[in-house]
C-alpha cells in the first residue's frame, strides 16, 4: 500500500485546509480537472460546484477566490517538485550530475504520483506551464509576497541555485539562472507544442532536445573558462 504524501501548506492560502476533509480534497481534484480542460479564465466556482455536485458557498468556505485557489495549486506543485528533486538527487555526489538530473526533471513529462489520489500531478504540470505566471503577474503580487505565498517556488529556486554554486562557487548569478532554468523549461515545452517556430525542435516534439538545449545553456553560462 502506498503511503500518502503530505505537504504542509501556507495557511494564508486557504480559509479551511482542503486536505482535512473529503469536500476539500474534491475541490482540489475537480479544480485541477476543470482548469486543465478549459483554462483558468473560463474557470469559476459556480462551474466547479456544478462539476462536484456541491454549492458555491461550500467552496468559498475553503478559498477566498479562484486566484487564491490557483496559487494554492501552484504552491503545492512547487513543494512536491522540491521533494522530487531531493529524492532523485539525495545520493548523488557529482554536482554537475545533480544539476543535469534536475534539468531533466523540469523538462520531462510528469507522471501522476499515486501517493496523492486527489491530485493529478501530470495535469497540474500542464497547468503550471500554461497558467503559472498568472499567480504573480497581478497587482496584488507585493501583498501576496509579504504573505509568503510564493515561498515554495523560491525554495525550489534556492535549491537549484545552491546546485549551481556547487558546480561553480564563483558564478555571480545563481538565483537568476535558477529561475531562468525553471521558466525556460516550461516555456520551451509550451512553444514546442503550440508555437514550434519559436524553437529549434518543434517539429519533433522531443523532450530530449529541450533537455539538451537547457544543459547547453546552463553549463555554458557557469563554465569556469568564461573571461
C-alpha atoms as a PDB file:
ATOM      1  CA  UNK A   1       0.000   0.000   0.000  1.00  0.00           C
ATOM      2  CA  UNK A   2       1.340   3.433  -0.992  1.00  0.00           C
ATOM      3  CA  UNK A   3       1.997   5.894   1.834  1.00  0.00           C
ATOM      4  CA  UNK A   4       0.095   9.137   1.290  1.00  0.00           C
ATOM      5  CA  UNK A   5       2.398  12.098   0.696  1.00  0.00           C
ATOM      6  CA  UNK A   6       1.671  15.029   2.996  1.00  0.00           C
ATOM      7  CA  UNK A   7       2.795  18.537   2.031  1.00  0.00           C
ATOM      8  CA  UNK A   8       2.460  21.367   4.544  1.00  0.00           C
ATOM      9  CA  UNK A   9       0.863  24.446   3.011  1.00  0.00           C
ATOM     10  CA  UNK A  10       0.869  28.113   3.981  1.00  0.00           C
ATOM     11  CA  UNK A  11      -2.315  28.685   5.981  1.00  0.00           C
ATOM     12  CA  UNK A  12      -2.809  32.088   4.353  1.00  0.00           C
ATOM     13  CA  UNK A  13      -3.631  30.326   1.103  1.00  0.00           C
ATOM     14  CA  UNK A  14      -6.928  28.964   2.374  1.00  0.00           C
ATOM     15  CA  UNK A  15      -9.755  29.653   4.801  1.00  0.00           C
ATOM     16  CA  UNK A  16     -10.104  25.981   5.671  1.00  0.00           C
ATOM     17  CA  UNK A  17      -7.466  23.352   4.936  1.00  0.00           C
ATOM     18  CA  UNK A  18      -8.752  21.342   1.935  1.00  0.00           C
ATOM     19  CA  UNK A  19      -6.537  18.398   2.879  1.00  0.00           C
ATOM     20  CA  UNK A  20      -8.537  17.853   6.073  1.00  0.00           C
ATOM     21  CA  UNK A  21     -11.892  16.903   4.549  1.00  0.00           C
ATOM     22  CA  UNK A  22     -13.411  14.924   1.711  1.00  0.00           C
ATOM     23  CA  UNK A  23     -15.081  18.065   0.311  1.00  0.00           C
ATOM     24  CA  UNK A  24     -11.779  19.954   0.383  1.00  0.00           C
ATOM     25  CA  UNK A  25      -9.964  17.205  -1.487  1.00  0.00           C
ATOM     26  CA  UNK A  26     -12.790  17.104  -4.047  1.00  0.00           C
ATOM     27  CA  UNK A  27     -12.349  20.844  -4.580  1.00  0.00           C
ATOM     28  CA  UNK A  28      -8.673  20.292  -5.393  1.00  0.00           C
ATOM     29  CA  UNK A  29      -9.357  17.254  -7.576  1.00  0.00           C
ATOM     30  CA  UNK A  30     -12.084  18.854  -9.685  1.00  0.00           C
ATOM     31  CA  UNK A  31     -10.458  22.285  -9.908  1.00  0.00           C
ATOM     32  CA  UNK A  32      -7.376  20.682 -11.486  1.00  0.00           C
ATOM     33  CA  UNK A  33      -9.591  18.819 -13.941  1.00  0.00           C
ATOM     34  CA  UNK A  34     -11.576  21.922 -14.933  1.00  0.00           C
ATOM     35  CA  UNK A  35      -8.615  24.302 -15.221  1.00  0.00           C
ATOM     36  CA  UNK A  36      -6.706  21.735 -17.264  1.00  0.00           C
ATOM     37  CA  UNK A  37      -9.687  21.194 -19.532  1.00  0.00           C
ATOM     38  CA  UNK A  38     -10.927  24.759 -20.064  1.00  0.00           C
ATOM     39  CA  UNK A  39      -8.251  27.166 -18.801  1.00  0.00           C
ATOM     40  CA  UNK A  40      -8.159  29.456 -15.793  1.00  0.00           C
ATOM     41  CA  UNK A  41     -10.071  32.327 -17.416  1.00  0.00           C
ATOM     42  CA  UNK A  42     -13.081  30.095 -18.003  1.00  0.00           C
ATOM     43  CA  UNK A  43     -12.868  28.562 -14.528  1.00  0.00           C
ATOM     44  CA  UNK A  44     -15.391  29.721 -11.906  1.00  0.00           C
ATOM     45  CA  UNK A  45     -16.521  28.455  -8.525  1.00  0.00           C
ATOM     46  CA  UNK A  46     -20.021  28.155  -9.972  1.00  0.00           C
ATOM     47  CA  UNK A  47     -18.779  25.711 -12.612  1.00  0.00           C
ATOM     48  CA  UNK A  48     -16.663  23.926 -10.039  1.00  0.00           C
ATOM     49  CA  UNK A  49     -19.652  23.498  -7.727  1.00  0.00           C
ATOM     50  CA  UNK A  50     -21.719  22.072 -10.592  1.00  0.00           C
ATOM     51  CA  UNK A  51     -18.945  19.657 -11.517  1.00  0.00           C
ATOM     52  CA  UNK A  52     -18.674  18.496  -7.914  1.00  0.00           C
ATOM     53  CA  UNK A  53     -22.401  18.341  -7.239  1.00  0.00           C
ATOM     54  CA  UNK A  54     -21.878  20.816  -4.410  1.00  0.00           C
ATOM     55  CA  UNK A  55     -22.532  24.515  -3.762  1.00  0.00           C
ATOM     56  CA  UNK A  56     -20.517  27.678  -4.340  1.00  0.00           C
ATOM     57  CA  UNK A  57     -20.928  28.535  -0.672  1.00  0.00           C
ATOM     58  CA  UNK A  58     -19.202  25.284   0.250  1.00  0.00           C
ATOM     59  CA  UNK A  59     -16.204  26.148  -1.936  1.00  0.00           C
ATOM     60  CA  UNK A  60     -15.975  29.684  -0.550  1.00  0.00           C
ATOM     61  CA  UNK A  61     -15.604  28.212   2.910  1.00  0.00           C
ATOM     62  CA  UNK A  62     -12.242  26.847   1.746  1.00  0.00           C
ATOM     63  CA  UNK A  63     -10.913  29.509  -0.627  1.00  0.00           C
ATOM     64  CA  UNK A  64     -11.446  33.261  -0.719  1.00  0.00           C
ATOM     65  CA  UNK A  65     -11.418  33.358  -4.522  1.00  0.00           C
ATOM     66  CA  UNK A  66     -10.213  31.435  -7.552  1.00  0.00           C
ATOM     67  CA  UNK A  67      -6.892  33.302  -7.613  1.00  0.00           C
ATOM     68  CA  UNK A  68      -6.025  32.044  -4.130  1.00  0.00           C
ATOM     69  CA  UNK A  69      -7.003  28.551  -5.258  1.00  0.00           C
ATOM     70  CA  UNK A  70      -4.654  28.824  -8.245  1.00  0.00           C
ATOM     71  CA  UNK A  71      -1.787  29.984  -6.016  1.00  0.00           C
ATOM     72  CA  UNK A  72      -2.540  27.044  -3.715  1.00  0.00           C
ATOM     73  CA  UNK A  73      -2.246  24.610  -6.628  1.00  0.00           C
ATOM     74  CA  UNK A  74       0.994  26.198  -7.833  1.00  0.00           C
ATOM     75  CA  UNK A  75       2.499  26.255  -4.328  1.00  0.00           C
ATOM     76  CA  UNK A  76       1.544  22.622  -3.815  1.00  0.00           C
ATOM     77  CA  UNK A  77       3.216  21.643  -7.088  1.00  0.00           C
ATOM     78  CA  UNK A  78       6.455  23.504  -6.337  1.00  0.00           C
ATOM     79  CA  UNK A  79       6.649  21.860  -2.907  1.00  0.00           C
ATOM     80  CA  UNK A  80       6.006  18.457  -4.460  1.00  0.00           C
ATOM     81  CA  UNK A  81       8.659  19.115  -7.114  1.00  0.00           C
ATOM     82  CA  UNK A  82      11.214  20.152  -4.489  1.00  0.00           C
ATOM     83  CA  UNK A  83      10.525  16.837  -2.772  1.00  0.00           C
ATOM     84  CA  UNK A  84      11.122  15.022  -6.077  1.00  0.00           C
ATOM     85  CA  UNK A  85      14.396  16.898  -6.597  1.00  0.00           C
ATOM     86  CA  UNK A  86      15.604  15.922  -3.143  1.00  0.00           C
ATOM     87  CA  UNK A  87      14.539  12.311  -3.603  1.00  0.00           C
ATOM     88  CA  UNK A  88      16.226  11.886  -7.001  1.00  0.00           C
ATOM     89  CA  UNK A  89      19.481  13.650  -6.111  1.00  0.00           C
ATOM     90  CA  UNK A  90      19.899  12.526  -2.493  1.00  0.00           C
ATOM     91  CA  UNK A  91      22.683  10.007  -3.131  1.00  0.00           C
ATOM     92  CA  UNK A  92      24.373  11.870  -5.984  1.00  0.00           C
ATOM     93  CA  UNK A  93      27.798  13.336  -5.188  1.00  0.00           C
ATOM     94  CA  UNK A  94      28.729  14.954  -8.510  1.00  0.00           C
ATOM     95  CA  UNK A  95      27.132  18.455  -8.601  1.00  0.00           C
ATOM     96  CA  UNK A  96      27.032  18.510 -12.387  1.00  0.00           C
ATOM     97  CA  UNK A  97      25.157  15.225 -12.494  1.00  0.00           C
ATOM     98  CA  UNK A  98      22.737  16.564  -9.874  1.00  0.00           C
ATOM     99  CA  UNK A  99      22.100  19.674 -11.940  1.00  0.00           C
ATOM    100  CA  UNK A 100      21.567  17.597 -15.075  1.00  0.00           C
ATOM    101  CA  UNK A 101      19.087  15.431 -13.161  1.00  0.00           C
ATOM    102  CA  UNK A 102      17.102  18.478 -12.088  1.00  0.00           C
ATOM    103  CA  UNK A 103      17.044  19.857 -15.639  1.00  0.00           C
ATOM    104  CA  UNK A 104      15.671  16.517 -16.791  1.00  0.00           C
ATOM    105  CA  UNK A 105      13.015  16.539 -14.065  1.00  0.00           C
ATOM    106  CA  UNK A 106      11.927  20.054 -15.016  1.00  0.00           C
ATOM    107  CA  UNK A 107      11.788  19.327 -18.740  1.00  0.00           C
ATOM    108  CA  UNK A 108      10.213  15.872 -18.799  1.00  0.00           C
ATOM    109  CA  UNK A 109       6.602  14.773 -18.839  1.00  0.00           C
ATOM    110  CA  UNK A 110       5.315  14.414 -15.289  1.00  0.00           C
ATOM    111  CA  UNK A 111       3.580  11.212 -14.254  1.00  0.00           C
ATOM    112  CA  UNK A 112       0.776  11.114 -11.718  1.00  0.00           C
ATOM    113  CA  UNK A 113       2.019  10.415  -8.176  1.00  0.00           C
ATOM    114  CA  UNK A 114      -0.082   7.546  -6.795  1.00  0.00           C
ATOM    115  CA  UNK A 115       0.540   8.731  -3.234  1.00  0.00           C
ATOM    116  CA  UNK A 116      -1.725  11.742  -3.847  1.00  0.00           C
ATOM    117  CA  UNK A 117      -5.032  10.320  -5.000  1.00  0.00           C
ATOM    118  CA  UNK A 118      -6.812  13.712  -5.163  1.00  0.00           C
ATOM    119  CA  UNK A 119      -4.074  15.469  -7.159  1.00  0.00           C
ATOM    120  CA  UNK A 120      -3.117  14.564 -10.715  1.00  0.00           C
ATOM    121  CA  UNK A 121       0.442  15.866 -10.976  1.00  0.00           C
ATOM    122  CA  UNK A 122       0.510  15.249 -14.727  1.00  0.00           C
ATOM    123  CA  UNK A 123      -2.401  17.635 -15.300  1.00  0.00           C
ATOM    124  CA  UNK A 124      -1.110  20.045 -12.675  1.00  0.00           C
ATOM    125  CA  UNK A 125       2.210  20.217 -14.503  1.00  0.00           C
ATOM    126  CA  UNK A 126       0.402  21.320 -17.662  1.00  0.00           C
ATOM    127  CA  UNK A 127      -1.469  23.942 -15.639  1.00  0.00           C
ATOM    128  CA  UNK A 128       1.865  25.198 -14.302  1.00  0.00           C
ATOM    129  CA  UNK A 129       3.095  25.621 -17.875  1.00  0.00           C
ATOM    130  CA  UNK A 130       0.020  27.453 -19.180  1.00  0.00           C
ATOM    131  CA  UNK A 131      -1.285  29.280 -16.108  1.00  0.00           C
ATOM    132  CA  UNK A 132       1.591  29.535 -13.602  1.00  0.00           C
ATOM    133  CA  UNK A 133       2.598  33.131 -14.364  1.00  0.00           C
ATOM    134  CA  UNK A 134      -0.940  34.300 -13.576  1.00  0.00           C
ATOM    135  CA  UNK A 135      -0.262  33.729  -9.890  1.00  0.00           C
ATOM    136  CA  UNK A 136       2.266  36.577  -9.680  1.00  0.00           C
ATOM    137  CA  UNK A 137       1.613  38.806 -12.710  1.00  0.00           C
ATOM    138  CA  UNK A 138      -1.034  40.658 -10.730  1.00  0.00           C
ATOM    139  CA  UNK A 139      -1.390  43.949  -8.873  1.00  0.00           C
ATOM    140  CA  UNK A 140      -1.534  42.051  -5.594  1.00  0.00           C
ATOM    141  CA  UNK A 141       1.869  40.406  -6.076  1.00  0.00           C
ATOM    142  CA  UNK A 142       3.627  42.509  -3.399  1.00  0.00           C
ATOM    143  CA  UNK A 143       0.942  41.779  -0.814  1.00  0.00           C
ATOM    144  CA  UNK A 144       0.911  38.086  -1.733  1.00  0.00           C
ATOM    145  CA  UNK A 145       4.691  38.030  -1.483  1.00  0.00           C
ATOM    146  CA  UNK A 146       4.593  39.548   2.023  1.00  0.00           C
ATOM    147  CA  UNK A 147       2.308  36.659   2.992  1.00  0.00           C
ATOM    148  CA  UNK A 148       4.983  34.283   1.638  1.00  0.00           C
ATOM    149  CA  UNK A 149       2.560  32.713  -0.832  1.00  0.00           C
ATOM    150  CA  UNK A 150       5.396  32.183  -3.322  1.00  0.00           C
ATOM    151  CA  UNK A 151       7.791  30.625  -0.816  1.00  0.00           C
ATOM    152  CA  UNK A 152       7.646  27.091  -2.322  1.00  0.00           C
ATOM    153  CA  UNK A 153       8.753  28.476  -5.687  1.00  0.00           C
ATOM    154  CA  UNK A 154      11.522  30.492  -4.025  1.00  0.00           C
ATOM    155  CA  UNK A 155      12.616  27.430  -2.043  1.00  0.00           C
ATOM    156  CA  UNK A 156      12.914  25.378  -5.221  1.00  0.00           C
ATOM    157  CA  UNK A 157      14.920  28.157  -6.881  1.00  0.00           C
ATOM    158  CA  UNK A 158      17.193  28.276  -3.824  1.00  0.00           C
ATOM    159  CA  UNK A 159      17.840  24.533  -4.046  1.00  0.00           C
ATOM    160  CA  UNK A 160      18.675  24.879  -7.724  1.00  0.00           C
ATOM    161  CA  UNK A 161      20.799  27.958  -7.088  1.00  0.00           C
ATOM    162  CA  UNK A 162      22.848  26.065  -4.500  1.00  0.00           C
ATOM    163  CA  UNK A 163      23.435  23.276  -7.000  1.00  0.00           C
ATOM    164  CA  UNK A 164      24.698  25.850  -9.494  1.00  0.00           C
ATOM    165  CA  UNK A 165      27.132  27.186  -6.877  1.00  0.00           C
ATOM    166  CA  UNK A 166      28.296  23.646  -6.162  1.00  0.00           C
ATOM    167  CA  UNK A 167      29.280  23.424  -9.825  1.00  0.00           C
ATOM    168  CA  UNK A 168      30.921  26.854  -9.846  1.00  0.00           C
ATOM    169  CA  UNK A 169      31.199  28.681  -6.489  1.00  0.00           C
ATOM    170  CA  UNK A 170      32.297  31.890  -8.227  1.00  0.00           C
ATOM    171  CA  UNK A 171      29.267  32.130 -10.534  1.00  0.00           C
ATOM    172  CA  UNK A 172      27.632  35.516  -9.910  1.00  0.00           C
ATOM    173  CA  UNK A 173      24.015  34.855 -10.851  1.00  0.00           C
ATOM    174  CA  UNK A 174      22.824  31.578  -9.285  1.00  0.00           C
ATOM    175  CA  UNK A 175      19.334  32.819  -8.365  1.00  0.00           C
ATOM    176  CA  UNK A 176      18.718  34.390 -11.761  1.00  0.00           C
ATOM    177  CA  UNK A 177      19.912  31.286 -13.566  1.00  0.00           C
ATOM    178  CA  UNK A 178      17.848  29.013 -11.312  1.00  0.00           C
ATOM    179  CA  UNK A 179      14.580  30.815 -12.037  1.00  0.00           C
ATOM    180  CA  UNK A 180      15.528  31.047 -15.722  1.00  0.00           C
ATOM    181  CA  UNK A 181      16.013  27.273 -15.918  1.00  0.00           C
ATOM    182  CA  UNK A 182      12.588  26.619 -14.431  1.00  0.00           C
ATOM    183  CA  UNK A 183      10.765  29.165 -16.570  1.00  0.00           C
ATOM    184  CA  UNK A 184      12.649  28.218 -19.725  1.00  0.00           C
ATOM    185  CA  UNK A 185      11.884  24.538 -19.265  1.00  0.00           C
ATOM    186  CA  UNK A 186       8.174  25.373 -19.177  1.00  0.00           C
ATOM    187  CA  UNK A 187       8.255  27.950 -21.966  1.00  0.00           C
ATOM    188  CA  UNK A 188      10.169  25.704 -24.342  1.00  0.00           C
ATOM    189  CA  UNK A 189       7.736  22.886 -23.618  1.00  0.00           C
ATOM    190  CA  UNK A 190       4.828  25.199 -24.404  1.00  0.00           C
ATOM    191  CA  UNK A 191       6.453  26.613 -27.531  1.00  0.00           C
ATOM    192  CA  UNK A 192       7.409  23.152 -28.763  1.00  0.00           C
ATOM    193  CA  UNK A 193       3.787  22.008 -28.618  1.00  0.00           C
ATOM    194  CA  UNK A 194       1.988  25.221 -29.551  1.00  0.00           C
ATOM    195  CA  UNK A 195       4.341  27.732 -31.235  1.00  0.00           C
ATOM    196  CA  UNK A 196       7.021  25.497 -32.754  1.00  0.00           C
ATOM    197  CA  UNK A 197       8.553  28.254 -34.901  1.00  0.00           C
ATOM    198  CA  UNK A 198       9.866  29.797 -31.666  1.00  0.00           C
ATOM    199  CA  UNK A 199      12.042  26.732 -31.024  1.00  0.00           C
ATOM    200  CA  UNK A 200      14.574  24.628 -32.893  1.00  0.00           C
ATOM    201  CA  UNK A 201      12.873  21.336 -32.035  1.00  0.00           C
ATOM    202  CA  UNK A 202       9.173  21.990 -32.542  1.00  0.00           C
ATOM    203  CA  UNK A 203       8.802  19.603 -35.442  1.00  0.00           C
ATOM    204  CA  UNK A 204       9.960  16.576 -33.489  1.00  0.00           C
ATOM    205  CA  UNK A 205       8.317  17.484 -30.166  1.00  0.00           C
ATOM    206  CA  UNK A 206      11.184  15.700 -28.458  1.00  0.00           C
ATOM    207  CA  UNK A 207      11.725  16.439 -24.758  1.00  0.00           C
ATOM    208  CA  UNK A 208      15.285  15.155 -25.045  1.00  0.00           C
ATOM    209  CA  UNK A 209      16.135  18.110 -27.277  1.00  0.00           C
ATOM    210  CA  UNK A 210      14.717  20.557 -24.735  1.00  0.00           C
ATOM    211  CA  UNK A 211      16.872  18.922 -22.077  1.00  0.00           C
ATOM    212  CA  UNK A 212      19.946  19.109 -24.331  1.00  0.00           C
ATOM    213  CA  UNK A 213      19.267  22.793 -25.049  1.00  0.00           C
ATOM    214  CA  UNK A 214      18.923  23.661 -21.359  1.00  0.00           C
ATOM    215  CA  UNK A 215      22.054  21.739 -20.438  1.00  0.00           C
ATOM    216  CA  UNK A 216      23.974  23.616 -23.118  1.00  0.00           C
ATOM    217  CA  UNK A 217      22.580  26.936 -21.881  1.00  0.00           C
ATOM    218  CA  UNK A 218      23.284  26.282 -18.214  1.00  0.00           C
ATOM    219  CA  UNK A 219      26.732  24.715 -18.432  1.00  0.00           C
ATOM    220  CA  UNK A 220      27.893  27.309 -20.937  1.00  0.00           C
ATOM    221  CA  UNK A 221      26.798  30.008 -18.513  1.00  0.00           C
ATOM    222  CA  UNK A 222      28.572  28.571 -15.474  1.00  0.00           C
ATOM    223  CA  UNK A 223      31.718  27.437 -17.264  1.00  0.00           C
ATOM    224  CA  UNK A 224      34.961  28.237 -15.436  1.00  0.00           C
ATOM    225  CA  UNK A 225      36.518  29.171 -18.766  1.00  0.00           C
ATOM    226  CA  UNK A 226      34.477  32.347 -19.163  1.00  0.00           C
ATOM    227  CA  UNK A 227      36.522  35.528 -19.023  1.00  0.00           C
END
